[in-house]
């Protein structure tokens, strides 16, 4: 998503279709400031473009990466 790639510290973005109408996304940033900015930009985008398509408001969960491969 170009919107999030423009945020300083962007590392990666993943969108997952978990089935039965459930979708989730994961963004990875070099620091908390980048993660916070991506949440703000994504919230603005959803509010301005997608809110009528969503049955429930998005949930935001954040935390440090503790393992990778």
PDB file of N, CA and C in Angstrom:
ATOM      1  N   UNK A   1       0.842  -1.169   0.000  1.00  0.00           N
ATOM      2  CA  UNK A   1       0.000   0.000   0.000  1.00  0.00           C
ATOM      3  C   UNK A   1       0.894   1.241   0.000  1.00  0.00           C
ATOM      4  N   UNK A   2       0.835   2.030  -1.059  1.00  0.00           N
ATOM      5  CA  UNK A   2       1.708   3.205  -1.161  1.00  0.00           C
ATOM      6  C   UNK A   2       1.586   4.166   0.025  1.00  0.00           C
ATOM      7  N   UNK A   3       0.414   4.284   0.575  1.00  0.00           N
ATOM      8  CA  UNK A   3       0.194   5.184   1.712  1.00  0.00           C
ATOM      9  C   UNK A   3       1.136   4.861   2.871  1.00  0.00           C
ATOM     10  N   UNK A   4       1.303   3.577   3.165  1.00  0.00           N
ATOM     11  CA  UNK A   4       2.129   3.177   4.301  1.00  0.00           C
ATOM     12  C   UNK A   4       3.606   3.105   3.949  1.00  0.00           C
ATOM     13  N   UNK A   5       3.923   2.832   2.690  1.00  0.00           N
ATOM     14  CA  UNK A   5       5.335   2.788   2.281  1.00  0.00           C
ATOM     15  C   UNK A   5       6.002   4.155   2.392  1.00  0.00           C
ATOM     16  N   UNK A   6       5.214   5.212   2.386  1.00  0.00           N
ATOM     17  CA  UNK A   6       5.747   6.573   2.474  1.00  0.00           C
ATOM     18  C   UNK A   6       6.122   6.967   3.910  1.00  0.00           C
ATOM     19  N   UNK A   7       5.679   6.191   4.887  1.00  0.00           N
ATOM     20  CA  UNK A   7       5.958   6.509   6.285  1.00  0.00           C
ATOM     21  C   UNK A   7       7.431   6.200   6.579  1.00  0.00           C
ATOM     22  N   UNK A   8       8.148   7.146   7.190  1.00  0.00           N
ATOM     23  CA  UNK A   8       9.553   6.888   7.540  1.00  0.00           C
ATOM     24  C   UNK A   8       9.683   5.636   8.409  1.00  0.00           C
ATOM     25  N   UNK A   9      10.671   4.815   8.101  1.00  0.00           N
ATOM     26  CA  UNK A   9      10.919   3.600   8.864  1.00  0.00           C
ATOM     27  C   UNK A   9      10.160   2.384   8.368  1.00  0.00           C
ATOM     28  N   UNK A  10       9.418   2.511   7.258  1.00  0.00           N
ATOM     29  CA  UNK A  10       8.658   1.382   6.719  1.00  0.00           C
ATOM     30  C   UNK A  10       9.589   0.217   6.407  1.00  0.00           C
ATOM     31  N   UNK A  11       9.191  -1.000   6.800  1.00  0.00           N
ATOM     32  CA  UNK A  11       9.946  -2.210   6.493  1.00  0.00           C
ATOM     33  C   UNK A  11       9.112  -3.159   5.637  1.00  0.00           C
ATOM     34  N   UNK A  12       7.883  -3.464   6.069  1.00  0.00           N
ATOM     35  CA  UNK A  12       7.073  -4.448   5.345  1.00  0.00           C
ATOM     36  C   UNK A  12       5.594  -4.261   5.676  1.00  0.00           C
ATOM     37  N   UNK A  13       4.746  -4.768   4.773  1.00  0.00           N
ATOM     38  CA  UNK A  13       3.291  -4.735   4.965  1.00  0.00           C
ATOM     39  C   UNK A  13       2.730  -6.048   4.436  1.00  0.00           C
ATOM     40  N   UNK A  14       1.819  -6.648   5.180  1.00  0.00           N
ATOM     41  CA  UNK A  14       1.165  -7.898   4.776  1.00  0.00           C
ATOM     42  C   UNK A  14      -0.334  -7.771   4.984  1.00  0.00           C
ATOM     43  N   UNK A  15      -1.107  -8.285   4.030  1.00  0.00           N
ATOM     44  CA  UNK A  15      -2.567  -8.317   4.134  1.00  0.00           C
ATOM     45  C   UNK A  15      -2.974  -9.785   4.043  1.00  0.00           C
ATOM     46  N   UNK A  16      -3.753 -10.261   5.008  1.00  0.00           N
ATOM     47  CA  UNK A  16      -4.126 -11.667   5.087  1.00  0.00           C
ATOM     48  C   UNK A  16      -5.640 -11.798   5.040  1.00  0.00           C
ATOM     49  N   UNK A  17      -6.120 -12.677   4.172  1.00  0.00           N
ATOM     50  CA  UNK A  17      -7.535 -13.049   4.143  1.00  0.00           C
ATOM     51  C   UNK A  17      -7.672 -14.283   5.019  1.00  0.00           C
ATOM     52  N   UNK A  18      -8.222 -14.113   6.218  1.00  0.00           N
ATOM     53  CA  UNK A  18      -8.357 -15.203   7.171  1.00  0.00           C
ATOM     54  C   UNK A  18      -9.636 -16.004   6.964  1.00  0.00           C
ATOM     55  N   UNK A  19     -10.425 -15.640   5.951  1.00  0.00           N
ATOM     56  CA  UNK A  19     -11.652 -16.366   5.653  1.00  0.00           C
ATOM     57  C   UNK A  19     -12.851 -15.845   6.417  1.00  0.00           C
ATOM     58  N   UNK A  20     -14.017 -16.176   5.919  1.00  0.00           N
ATOM     59  CA  UNK A  20     -15.288 -15.808   6.547  1.00  0.00           C
ATOM     60  C   UNK A  20     -15.390 -14.311   6.813  1.00  0.00           C
ATOM     61  N   UNK A  21     -14.865 -13.511   5.889  1.00  0.00           N
ATOM     62  CA  UNK A  21     -14.961 -12.063   6.004  1.00  0.00           C
ATOM     63  C   UNK A  21     -13.951 -11.421   6.940  1.00  0.00           C
ATOM     64  N   UNK A  22     -13.048 -12.204   7.473  1.00  0.00           N
ATOM     65  CA  UNK A  22     -12.040 -11.671   8.394  1.00  0.00           C
ATOM     66  C   UNK A  22     -10.762 -11.376   7.617  1.00  0.00           C
ATOM     67  N   UNK A  23     -10.278 -10.153   7.745  1.00  0.00           N
ATOM     68  CA  UNK A  23      -9.034  -9.724   7.122  1.00  0.00           C
ATOM     69  C   UNK A  23      -8.139  -9.153   8.203  1.00  0.00           C
ATOM     70  N   UNK A  24      -6.838  -9.293   8.015  1.00  0.00           N
ATOM     71  CA  UNK A  24      -5.924  -8.653   8.945  1.00  0.00           C
ATOM     72  C   UNK A  24      -4.712  -8.158   8.185  1.00  0.00           C
ATOM     73  N   UNK A  25      -4.125  -7.116   8.724  1.00  0.00           N
ATOM     74  CA  UNK A  25      -2.908  -6.585   8.115  1.00  0.00           C
ATOM     75  C   UNK A  25      -1.852  -6.446   9.196  1.00  0.00           C
ATOM     76  N   UNK A  26      -0.604  -6.570   8.764  1.00  0.00           N
ATOM     77  CA  UNK A  26       0.532  -6.403   9.653  1.00  0.00           C
ATOM     78  C   UNK A  26       1.507  -5.452   8.973  1.00  0.00           C
ATOM     79  N   UNK A  27       1.890  -4.435   9.685  1.00  0.00           N
ATOM     80  CA  UNK A  27       2.891  -3.492   9.199  1.00  0.00           C
ATOM     81  C   UNK A  27       4.099  -3.576  10.112  1.00  0.00           C
ATOM     82  N   UNK A  28       5.284  -3.493   9.523  1.00  0.00           N
ATOM     83  CA  UNK A  28       6.513  -3.532  10.296  1.00  0.00           C
ATOM     84  C   UNK A  28       7.278  -2.233  10.031  1.00  0.00           C
ATOM     85  N   UNK A  29       7.682  -1.581  11.111  1.00  0.00           N
ATOM     86  CA  UNK A  29       8.430  -0.318  11.037  1.00  0.00           C
ATOM     87  C   UNK A  29       9.675  -0.416  11.886  1.00  0.00           C
ATOM     88  N   UNK A  30      10.654   0.402  11.572  1.00  0.00           N
ATOM     89  CA  UNK A  30      11.913   0.404  12.309  1.00  0.00           C
ATOM     90  C   UNK A  30      11.758   0.912  13.738  1.00  0.00           C
ATOM     91  N   UNK A  31      10.734   1.739  13.975  1.00  0.00           N
ATOM     92  CA  UNK A  31      10.568   2.306  15.308  1.00  0.00           C
ATOM     93  C   UNK A  31       9.106   2.592  15.597  1.00  0.00           C
ATOM     94  N   UNK A  32       8.833   2.918  16.839  1.00  0.00           N
ATOM     95  CA  UNK A  32       7.459   3.177  17.283  1.00  0.00           C
ATOM     96  C   UNK A  32       6.855   4.393  16.595  1.00  0.00           C
ATOM     97  N   UNK A  33       7.672   5.402  16.317  1.00  0.00           N
ATOM     98  CA  UNK A  33       7.157   6.605  15.658  1.00  0.00           C
ATOM     99  C   UNK A  33       6.579   6.267  14.290  1.00  0.00           C
ATOM    100  N   UNK A  34       7.260   5.413  13.525  1.00  0.00           N
ATOM    101  CA  UNK A  34       6.745   4.995  12.226  1.00  0.00           C
ATOM    102  C   UNK A  34       5.458   4.201  12.360  1.00  0.00           C
ATOM    103  N   UNK A  35       5.428   3.308  13.330  1.00  0.00           N
ATOM    104  CA  UNK A  35       4.216   2.510  13.556  1.00  0.00           C
ATOM    105  C   UNK A  35       3.039   3.407  13.929  1.00  0.00           C
ATOM    106  N   UNK A  36       3.280   4.366  14.808  1.00  0.00           N
ATOM    107  CA  UNK A  36       2.206   5.287  15.220  1.00  0.00           C
ATOM    108  C   UNK A  36       1.697   6.105  14.035  1.00  0.00           C
ATOM    109  N   UNK A  37       2.608   6.573  13.203  1.00  0.00           N
ATOM    110  CA  UNK A  37       2.205   7.356  12.030  1.00  0.00           C
ATOM    111  C   UNK A  37       1.419   6.500  11.051  1.00  0.00           C
ATOM    112  N   UNK A  38       1.792   5.242  10.888  1.00  0.00           N
ATOM    113  CA  UNK A  38       1.056   4.372   9.961  1.00  0.00           C
ATOM    114  C   UNK A  38      -0.365   4.123  10.464  1.00  0.00           C
ATOM    115  N   UNK A  39      -0.525   3.972  11.764  1.00  0.00           N
ATOM    116  CA  UNK A  39      -1.867   3.788  12.333  1.00  0.00           C
ATOM    117  C   UNK A  39      -2.716   5.025  12.062  1.00  0.00           C
ATOM    118  N   UNK A  40      -2.142   6.199  12.247  1.00  0.00           N
ATOM    119  CA  UNK A  40      -2.883   7.440  12.003  1.00  0.00           C
ATOM    120  C   UNK A  40      -3.308   7.534  10.537  1.00  0.00           C
ATOM    121  N   UNK A  41      -2.372   7.270   9.626  1.00  0.00           N
ATOM    122  CA  UNK A  41      -2.699   7.358   8.201  1.00  0.00           C
ATOM    123  C   UNK A  41      -3.722   6.306   7.784  1.00  0.00           C
ATOM    124  N   UNK A  42      -3.569   5.100   8.295  1.00  0.00           N
ATOM    125  CA  UNK A  42      -4.520   4.037   7.956  1.00  0.00           C
ATOM    126  C   UNK A  42      -5.910   4.362   8.496  1.00  0.00           C
ATOM    127  N   UNK A  43      -5.983   4.892   9.715  1.00  0.00           N
ATOM    128  CA  UNK A  43      -7.278   5.255  10.292  1.00  0.00           C
ATOM    129  C   UNK A  43      -7.959   6.334   9.459  1.00  0.00           C
ATOM    130  N   UNK A  44      -7.198   7.323   9.019  1.00  0.00           N
ATOM    131  CA  UNK A  44      -7.761   8.371   8.163  1.00  0.00           C
ATOM    132  C   UNK A  44      -8.277   7.781   6.856  1.00  0.00           C
ATOM    133  N   UNK A  45      -7.502   6.876   6.250  1.00  0.00           N
ATOM    134  CA  UNK A  45      -7.907   6.259   4.980  1.00  0.00           C
ATOM    135  C   UNK A  45      -9.184   5.440   5.154  1.00  0.00           C
ATOM    136  N   UNK A  46      -9.246   4.641   6.208  1.00  0.00           N
ATOM    137  CA  UNK A  46     -10.447   3.826   6.452  1.00  0.00           C
ATOM    138  C   UNK A  46     -11.647   4.727   6.678  1.00  0.00           C
ATOM    139  N   UNK A  47     -11.488   5.747   7.506  1.00  0.00           N
ATOM    140  CA  UNK A  47     -12.595   6.669   7.787  1.00  0.00           C
ATOM    141  C   UNK A  47     -13.087   7.347   6.509  1.00  0.00           C
ATOM    142  N   UNK A  48     -12.169   7.755   5.656  1.00  0.00           N
ATOM    143  CA  UNK A  48     -12.532   8.506   4.459  1.00  0.00           C
ATOM    144  C   UNK A  48     -12.990   7.634   3.297  1.00  0.00           C
ATOM    145  N   UNK A  49     -12.621   6.338   3.279  1.00  0.00           N
ATOM    146  CA  UNK A  49     -12.873   5.521   2.097  1.00  0.00           C
ATOM    147  C   UNK A  49     -13.557   4.181   2.327  1.00  0.00           C
ATOM    148  N   UNK A  50     -13.468   3.618   3.516  1.00  0.00           N
ATOM    149  CA  UNK A  50     -13.932   2.242   3.697  1.00  0.00           C
ATOM    150  C   UNK A  50     -14.965   2.029   4.786  1.00  0.00           C
ATOM    151  N   UNK A  51     -15.215   3.023   5.602  1.00  0.00           N
ATOM    152  CA  UNK A  51     -16.049   2.809   6.784  1.00  0.00           C
ATOM    153  C   UNK A  51     -17.416   2.207   6.438  1.00  0.00           C
ATOM    154  N   UNK A  52     -17.983   2.552   5.312  1.00  0.00           N
ATOM    155  CA  UNK A  52     -19.301   2.018   4.952  1.00  0.00           C
ATOM    156  C   UNK A  52     -19.237   0.540   4.574  1.00  0.00           C
ATOM    157  N   UNK A  53     -18.059   0.011   4.309  1.00  0.00           N
ATOM    158  CA  UNK A  53     -17.910  -1.393   3.926  1.00  0.00           C
ATOM    159  C   UNK A  53     -17.608  -2.312   5.102  1.00  0.00           C
ATOM    160  N   UNK A  54     -17.309  -1.738   6.258  1.00  0.00           N
ATOM    161  CA  UNK A  54     -16.881  -2.530   7.408  1.00  0.00           C
ATOM    162  C   UNK A  54     -18.009  -2.722   8.409  1.00  0.00           C
ATOM    163  N   UNK A  55     -18.297  -3.974   8.769  1.00  0.00           N
ATOM    164  CA  UNK A  55     -19.362  -4.215   9.751  1.00  0.00           C
ATOM    165  C   UNK A  55     -18.954  -3.824  11.169  1.00  0.00           C
ATOM    166  N   UNK A  56     -17.650  -3.805  11.448  1.00  0.00           N
ATOM    167  CA  UNK A  56     -17.129  -3.458  12.770  1.00  0.00           C
ATOM    168  C   UNK A  56     -15.913  -2.554  12.590  1.00  0.00           C
ATOM    169  N   UNK A  57     -15.658  -1.676  13.546  1.00  0.00           N
ATOM    170  CA  UNK A  57     -14.467  -0.824  13.431  1.00  0.00           C
ATOM    171  C   UNK A  57     -13.196  -1.674  13.505  1.00  0.00           C
ATOM    172  N   UNK A  58     -12.144  -1.252  12.812  1.00  0.00           N
ATOM    173  CA  UNK A  58     -10.878  -1.984  12.890  1.00  0.00           C
ATOM    174  C   UNK A  58     -10.307  -1.966  14.307  1.00  0.00           C
ATOM    175  N   UNK A  59      -9.570  -3.002  14.641  1.00  0.00           N
ATOM    176  CA  UNK A  59      -8.874  -3.074  15.920  1.00  0.00           C
ATOM    177  C   UNK A  59      -7.376  -2.916  15.655  1.00  0.00           C
ATOM    178  N   UNK A  60      -6.715  -2.183  16.513  1.00  0.00           N
ATOM    179  CA  UNK A  60      -5.272  -1.989  16.393  1.00  0.00           C
ATOM    180  C   UNK A  60      -4.589  -2.674  17.563  1.00  0.00           C
ATOM    181  N   UNK A  61      -3.624  -3.508  17.247  1.00  0.00           N
ATOM    182  CA  UNK A  61      -2.789  -4.173  18.248  1.00  0.00           C
ATOM    183  C   UNK A  61      -1.352  -3.909  17.879  1.00  0.00           C
ATOM    184  N   UNK A  62      -0.536  -3.532  18.830  1.00  0.00           N
ATOM    185  CA  UNK A  62       0.858  -3.212  18.544  1.00  0.00           C
ATOM    186  C   UNK A  62       1.781  -3.866  19.544  1.00  0.00           C
ATOM    187  N   UNK A  63       3.002  -4.107  19.108  1.00  0.00           N
ATOM    188  CA  UNK A  63       4.009  -4.664  20.011  1.00  0.00           C
ATOM    189  C   UNK A  63       5.299  -4.895  19.271  1.00  0.00           C
ATOM    190  N   UNK A  64       6.350  -5.162  20.005  1.00  0.00           N
ATOM    191  CA  UNK A  64       7.650  -5.395  19.376  1.00  0.00           C
ATOM    192  C   UNK A  64       7.717  -6.779  18.735  1.00  0.00           C
ATOM    193  N   UNK A  65       8.508  -6.884  17.673  1.00  0.00           N
ATOM    194  CA  UNK A  65       8.784  -8.181  17.063  1.00  0.00           C
ATOM    195  C   UNK A  65       9.750  -8.925  17.976  1.00  0.00           C
ATOM    196  N   UNK A  66       9.410 -10.157  18.348  1.00  0.00           N
ATOM    197  CA  UNK A  66      10.271 -10.925  19.239  1.00  0.00           C
ATOM    198  C   UNK A  66      10.917 -12.119  18.544  1.00  0.00           C
ATOM    199  N   UNK A  67      10.483 -12.438  17.323  1.00  0.00           N
ATOM    200  CA  UNK A  67      11.093 -13.521  16.559  1.00  0.00           C
ATOM    201  C   UNK A  67      10.844 -13.275  15.089  1.00  0.00           C
ATOM    202  N   UNK A  68      11.700 -13.755  14.251  1.00  0.00           N
ATOM    203  CA  UNK A  68      11.539 -13.595  12.809  1.00  0.00           C
ATOM    204  C   UNK A  68      12.299 -14.692  12.092  1.00  0.00           C
ATOM    205  N   UNK A  69      12.040 -14.788  10.819  1.00  0.00           N
ATOM    206  CA  UNK A  69      12.719 -15.826  10.066  1.00  0.00           C
ATOM    207  C   UNK A  69      12.991 -15.433   8.662  1.00  0.00           C
TER     208      UNK A  69
END
